[in-house]
Amino acid sequence: MKSAAQVALEAGNSPQMIFEHYRELVTEKAAKAWFAITPDSTKAMREHAEKERQAKIVAHPALAA
């Protein structure tokens, strides 16, 4: 769990603002689910980039013992 000071720093707010307006409105699990929402085009782009990355990996032959 993060401290209010750390959250305020990352959000560009004060700890007082965090406590007054944001504290405990949602669980961390719900927040992660919300911020994981991405457009289908972004998901497709990430999948394409991962396939390209995997295609560049060259397998090394096993070393003889």
Protein backbone atom coordinates (compact mmCIF):
# COMPACT_ATOMS: atom_id res chain seq x y z
CA MET A 1 0.00 0.00 0.00
CA LYS A 2 1.29 3.45 -0.85
CA SER A 3 1.42 6.38 1.52
CA ALA A 4 -0.83 9.39 0.99
CA ALA A 5 2.29 11.51 0.47
CA GLN A 6 3.52 9.19 -2.32
CA VAL A 7 0.12 9.12 -4.02
CA ALA A 8 -0.16 12.92 -3.75
CA LEU A 9 3.29 13.35 -5.28
CA GLU A 10 2.45 11.04 -8.20
CA ALA A 11 -0.93 12.72 -8.73
CA GLY A 12 0.42 16.24 -8.45
CA ASN A 13 -1.79 16.98 -5.44
CA SER A 14 -1.42 17.45 -1.72
CA PRO A 15 -2.05 14.71 0.84
CA GLN A 16 -5.00 16.79 2.09
CA MET A 17 -6.56 16.70 -1.40
CA ILE A 18 -6.08 12.93 -1.58
CA PHE A 19 -7.80 12.41 1.79
CA GLU A 20 -10.67 14.79 1.03
CA HIS A 21 -11.53 13.57 -2.47
CA TYR A 22 -9.99 10.22 -3.28
CA ARG A 23 -9.17 8.12 -0.24
CA GLU A 24 -10.96 4.77 -0.05
CA LEU A 25 -13.36 5.48 -2.89
CA VAL A 26 -12.33 2.24 -4.58
CA THR A 27 -10.20 -0.76 -3.76
CA GLU A 28 -6.76 -1.20 -5.26
CA LYS A 29 -8.06 -4.23 -7.18
CA ALA A 30 -10.87 -2.18 -8.73
CA ALA A 31 -8.43 0.61 -9.60
CA LYS A 32 -6.07 -1.81 -11.36
CA ALA A 33 -8.99 -3.25 -13.33
CA TRP A 34 -10.10 0.26 -14.36
CA PHE A 35 -6.65 1.35 -15.52
CA ALA A 36 -6.16 -1.93 -17.41
CA ILE A 37 -8.98 -1.02 -19.80
CA THR A 38 -7.52 -0.31 -23.23
CA PRO A 39 -8.99 0.11 -26.70
CA ASP A 40 -8.97 -2.95 -28.97
CA SER A 41 -6.61 -1.13 -31.32
CA THR A 42 -4.07 -0.78 -28.53
CA LYS A 43 -4.38 -4.45 -27.61
CA ALA A 44 -3.89 -5.43 -31.27
CA MET A 45 -0.84 -3.18 -31.54
CA ARG A 46 0.71 -4.72 -28.39
CA GLU A 47 0.04 -8.25 -29.67
CA HIS A 48 1.62 -7.39 -33.03
CA ALA A 49 4.68 -5.88 -31.34
CA GLU A 50 5.06 -8.98 -29.13
CA LYS A 51 4.87 -11.28 -32.19
CA GLU A 52 7.55 -9.20 -33.91
CA ARG A 53 9.70 -9.33 -30.78
CA GLN A 54 9.31 -13.11 -30.53
CA ALA A 55 10.20 -13.53 -34.22
CA LYS A 56 13.56 -11.84 -33.61
CA ILE A 57 14.59 -14.24 -30.86
CA VAL A 58 17.12 -16.79 -32.05
CA ALA A 59 17.19 -20.07 -30.15
CA HIS A 60 20.66 -21.19 -29.09
CA PRO A 61 21.50 -24.83 -29.66
CA ALA A 62 21.85 -26.87 -26.51
CA LEU A 63 25.44 -27.22 -25.36
CA ALA A 64 26.82 -30.74 -25.32
CA ALA A 65 27.66 -31.94 -21.84
